[in-house]
Amino acid sequence: MENRNGLIVNTEVFEANGTAERDAALVMLEQIPGTKQVTVGGDKGLRHGGFRGRVQKLKGHPARGPKPGAARWERH
């Protein structure tokens, strides 16, 4: 989703299994053409199970997510 206007730019459908959002994000990152690094935003799942490292390997730059226990995302 594009952040400024809420425009949906890509979608994927996965079975709800606890990792579906992370799996879909990785699939969508693989589909982005070119080599330019892109920013990937998400919820606290960005910090889970090596996902952050996998995003970085796929030309993604994880946005700073909320610190554990924080109620909101940091603005940057």
N, C-alpha and C. Protein backbone atom coordinates (compact mmCIF):
# COMPACT_ATOMS: atom_id res chain seq x y z
N MET A 1 0.84 -1.17 0.00
CA MET A 1 0.00 0.00 0.00
C MET A 1 0.88 1.24 0.00
N GLU A 2 0.53 2.18 -0.81
CA GLU A 2 1.24 3.45 -0.85
C GLU A 2 0.76 4.27 0.35
N ASN A 3 1.69 4.79 1.13
CA ASN A 3 1.35 5.38 2.42
C ASN A 3 0.63 6.72 2.38
N ARG A 4 0.97 7.58 1.46
CA ARG A 4 0.39 8.93 1.48
C ARG A 4 -1.09 8.96 1.14
N ASN A 5 -1.49 8.17 0.15
CA ASN A 5 -2.87 8.22 -0.31
C ASN A 5 -3.65 6.94 -0.05
N GLY A 6 -3.02 5.93 0.51
CA GLY A 6 -3.71 4.68 0.79
C GLY A 6 -4.03 3.88 -0.46
N LEU A 7 -3.29 4.10 -1.54
CA LEU A 7 -3.51 3.41 -2.80
C LEU A 7 -2.97 1.99 -2.73
N ILE A 8 -3.78 1.01 -3.05
CA ILE A 8 -3.34 -0.39 -3.07
C ILE A 8 -2.58 -0.61 -4.36
N VAL A 9 -1.32 -1.06 -4.24
CA VAL A 9 -0.49 -1.25 -5.43
C VAL A 9 -0.21 -2.71 -5.75
N ASN A 10 -0.44 -3.61 -4.79
CA ASN A 10 -0.22 -5.03 -5.04
C ASN A 10 -0.95 -5.83 -3.96
N THR A 11 -1.40 -7.02 -4.31
CA THR A 11 -2.05 -7.90 -3.34
C THR A 11 -1.62 -9.34 -3.59
N GLU A 12 -1.67 -10.13 -2.57
CA GLU A 12 -1.43 -11.57 -2.63
C GLU A 12 -2.42 -12.23 -1.68
N VAL A 13 -2.83 -13.44 -1.98
CA VAL A 13 -3.74 -14.18 -1.12
C VAL A 13 -3.05 -15.46 -0.66
N PHE A 14 -2.96 -15.62 0.65
CA PHE A 14 -2.36 -16.80 1.24
C PHE A 14 -3.31 -17.35 2.30
N GLU A 15 -3.18 -18.64 2.60
CA GLU A 15 -3.95 -19.24 3.68
C GLU A 15 -3.50 -18.62 5.01
N ALA A 16 -4.46 -18.29 5.85
CA ALA A 16 -4.14 -17.72 7.16
C ALA A 16 -3.50 -18.80 8.03
N ASN A 17 -2.17 -18.68 8.21
CA ASN A 17 -1.46 -19.73 8.94
C ASN A 17 -0.48 -19.18 9.97
N GLY A 18 -0.52 -17.88 10.21
CA GLY A 18 0.39 -17.28 11.17
C GLY A 18 1.60 -16.62 10.54
N THR A 19 1.93 -17.02 9.31
CA THR A 19 3.06 -16.40 8.61
C THR A 19 2.64 -15.84 7.25
N ALA A 20 1.36 -15.82 6.96
CA ALA A 20 0.88 -15.44 5.64
C ALA A 20 1.28 -14.02 5.24
N GLU A 21 1.21 -13.07 6.17
CA GLU A 21 1.57 -11.70 5.83
C GLU A 21 3.05 -11.58 5.47
N ARG A 22 3.90 -12.24 6.23
CA ARG A 22 5.33 -12.20 5.94
C ARG A 22 5.63 -12.91 4.63
N ASP A 23 4.99 -14.06 4.39
CA ASP A 23 5.20 -14.80 3.15
C ASP A 23 4.77 -13.98 1.94
N ALA A 24 3.62 -13.31 2.04
CA ALA A 24 3.12 -12.49 0.94
C ALA A 24 4.06 -11.31 0.68
N ALA A 25 4.58 -10.71 1.75
CA ALA A 25 5.51 -9.59 1.58
C ALA A 25 6.76 -10.02 0.82
N LEU A 26 7.29 -11.20 1.15
CA LEU A 26 8.48 -11.68 0.46
C LEU A 26 8.20 -11.97 -1.01
N VAL A 27 7.04 -12.54 -1.31
CA VAL A 27 6.66 -12.81 -2.70
C VAL A 27 6.56 -11.49 -3.47
N MET A 28 5.92 -10.49 -2.87
CA MET A 28 5.77 -9.19 -3.54
C MET A 28 7.11 -8.50 -3.74
N LEU A 29 8.02 -8.63 -2.78
CA LEU A 29 9.36 -8.05 -2.94
C LEU A 29 10.10 -8.69 -4.10
N GLU A 30 9.96 -10.00 -4.25
CA GLU A 30 10.62 -10.70 -5.35
C GLU A 30 10.11 -10.24 -6.70
N GLN A 31 8.88 -9.76 -6.77
CA GLN A 31 8.27 -9.35 -8.03
C GLN A 31 8.65 -7.94 -8.46
N ILE A 32 9.26 -7.16 -7.59
CA ILE A 32 9.61 -5.78 -7.93
C ILE A 32 10.81 -5.78 -8.88
N PRO A 33 10.66 -5.18 -10.06
CA PRO A 33 11.76 -5.17 -11.02
C PRO A 33 12.86 -4.18 -10.61
N GLY A 34 14.03 -4.39 -11.16
CA GLY A 34 15.13 -3.46 -10.94
C GLY A 34 15.93 -3.81 -9.69
N THR A 35 16.88 -2.94 -9.40
CA THR A 35 17.77 -3.18 -8.27
C THR A 35 17.66 -2.10 -7.20
N LYS A 36 16.82 -1.10 -7.42
CA LYS A 36 16.68 -0.02 -6.45
C LYS A 36 16.08 -0.56 -5.14
N GLN A 37 16.64 -0.11 -4.03
CA GLN A 37 16.16 -0.54 -2.73
C GLN A 37 14.80 0.11 -2.45
N VAL A 38 13.89 -0.65 -1.86
CA VAL A 38 12.56 -0.15 -1.53
C VAL A 38 12.34 -0.24 -0.02
N THR A 39 11.48 0.62 0.51
CA THR A 39 11.17 0.61 1.93
C THR A 39 9.97 -0.29 2.17
N VAL A 40 10.08 -1.16 3.16
CA VAL A 40 9.02 -2.09 3.49
C VAL A 40 8.52 -1.76 4.89
N GLY A 41 7.24 -1.47 5.00
CA GLY A 41 6.65 -1.18 6.31
C GLY A 41 5.79 -2.33 6.76
N GLY A 42 5.56 -2.41 8.03
CA GLY A 42 4.72 -3.47 8.56
C GLY A 42 4.54 -3.32 10.05
N ASP A 43 3.91 -4.30 10.65
CA ASP A 43 3.69 -4.26 12.09
C ASP A 43 4.85 -4.94 12.81
N LYS A 44 4.63 -5.34 14.03
CA LYS A 44 5.71 -5.93 14.82
C LYS A 44 6.23 -7.24 14.24
N GLY A 45 5.54 -7.81 13.27
CA GLY A 45 6.00 -9.02 12.61
C GLY A 45 7.31 -8.83 11.86
N LEU A 46 7.67 -7.58 11.56
CA LEU A 46 8.95 -7.32 10.91
C LEU A 46 10.11 -7.79 11.76
N ARG A 47 9.92 -7.88 13.06
CA ARG A 47 11.00 -8.27 13.96
C ARG A 47 11.02 -9.77 14.22
N HIS A 48 10.18 -10.54 13.59
CA HIS A 48 9.98 -11.94 13.93
C HIS A 48 10.71 -12.89 12.99
N GLY A 49 11.34 -13.89 13.53
CA GLY A 49 11.83 -15.05 12.79
C GLY A 49 12.77 -14.79 11.63
N GLY A 50 13.65 -13.83 11.73
CA GLY A 50 14.59 -13.57 10.66
C GLY A 50 13.99 -12.87 9.46
N PHE A 51 12.75 -12.43 9.58
CA PHE A 51 12.08 -11.78 8.46
C PHE A 51 12.83 -10.53 8.00
N ARG A 52 13.31 -9.74 8.95
CA ARG A 52 14.02 -8.50 8.62
C ARG A 52 15.23 -8.79 7.72
N GLY A 53 15.99 -9.82 8.05
CA GLY A 53 17.15 -10.18 7.24
C GLY A 53 16.77 -10.64 5.85
N ARG A 54 15.68 -11.38 5.74
CA ARG A 54 15.21 -11.85 4.44
C ARG A 54 14.76 -10.68 3.57
N VAL A 55 14.12 -9.68 4.20
CA VAL A 55 13.69 -8.48 3.46
C VAL A 55 14.92 -7.75 2.92
N GLN A 56 15.95 -7.61 3.73
CA GLN A 56 17.14 -6.90 3.31
C GLN A 56 17.85 -7.61 2.16
N LYS A 57 17.82 -8.94 2.13
CA LYS A 57 18.43 -9.69 1.03
C LYS A 57 17.67 -9.48 -0.28
N LEU A 58 16.38 -9.13 -0.19
CA LEU A 58 15.55 -8.94 -1.38
C LEU A 58 15.39 -7.45 -1.72
N LYS A 59 16.43 -6.68 -1.54
CA LYS A 59 16.49 -5.24 -1.85
C LYS A 59 15.49 -4.41 -1.06
N GLY A 60 15.02 -4.93 0.03
CA GLY A 60 14.10 -4.18 0.87
C GLY A 60 14.81 -3.53 2.04
N HIS A 61 14.32 -2.37 2.41
CA HIS A 61 14.84 -1.68 3.58
C HIS A 61 13.69 -1.60 4.59
N PRO A 62 13.75 -2.38 5.66
CA PRO A 62 12.65 -2.35 6.62
C PRO A 62 12.51 -0.99 7.27
N ALA A 63 11.30 -0.47 7.27
CA ALA A 63 11.03 0.78 7.99
C ALA A 63 11.18 0.51 9.48
N ARG A 64 11.53 1.52 10.22
CA ARG A 64 11.65 1.33 11.66
C ARG A 64 10.28 1.05 12.23
N GLY A 65 10.09 -0.11 12.76
CA GLY A 65 8.82 -0.50 13.36
C GLY A 65 8.75 -0.08 14.80
N PRO A 66 7.64 -0.34 15.43
CA PRO A 66 7.50 0.04 16.83
C PRO A 66 8.45 -0.76 17.70
N LYS A 67 8.95 -0.13 18.72
CA LYS A 67 9.78 -0.84 19.69
C LYS A 67 8.88 -1.77 20.48
N PRO A 68 9.41 -2.88 20.96
CA PRO A 68 8.57 -3.78 21.74
C PRO A 68 7.84 -3.03 22.86
N GLY A 69 6.55 -3.19 22.92
CA GLY A 69 5.73 -2.52 23.94
C GLY A 69 5.26 -1.14 23.54
N ALA A 70 5.77 -0.59 22.44
CA ALA A 70 5.35 0.74 21.99
C ALA A 70 3.98 0.66 21.34
N ALA A 71 3.21 1.71 21.49
CA ALA A 71 1.86 1.71 20.95
C ALA A 71 1.82 2.18 19.49
N ARG A 72 2.83 2.94 19.04
CA ARG A 72 2.77 3.53 17.70
C ARG A 72 4.09 3.40 16.97
N TRP A 73 4.03 3.58 15.67
CA TRP A 73 5.24 3.61 14.85
C TRP A 73 5.92 4.96 15.01
N GLU A 74 7.25 4.97 14.87
CA GLU A 74 8.00 6.23 14.87
C GLU A 74 7.84 6.88 13.51
N ARG A 75 7.77 8.19 13.48
CA ARG A 75 7.73 8.91 12.21
C ARG A 75 9.14 9.19 11.76
N HIS A 76 9.41 9.07 10.50
CA HIS A 76 10.73 9.39 9.95
C HIS A 76 10.63 9.88 8.55
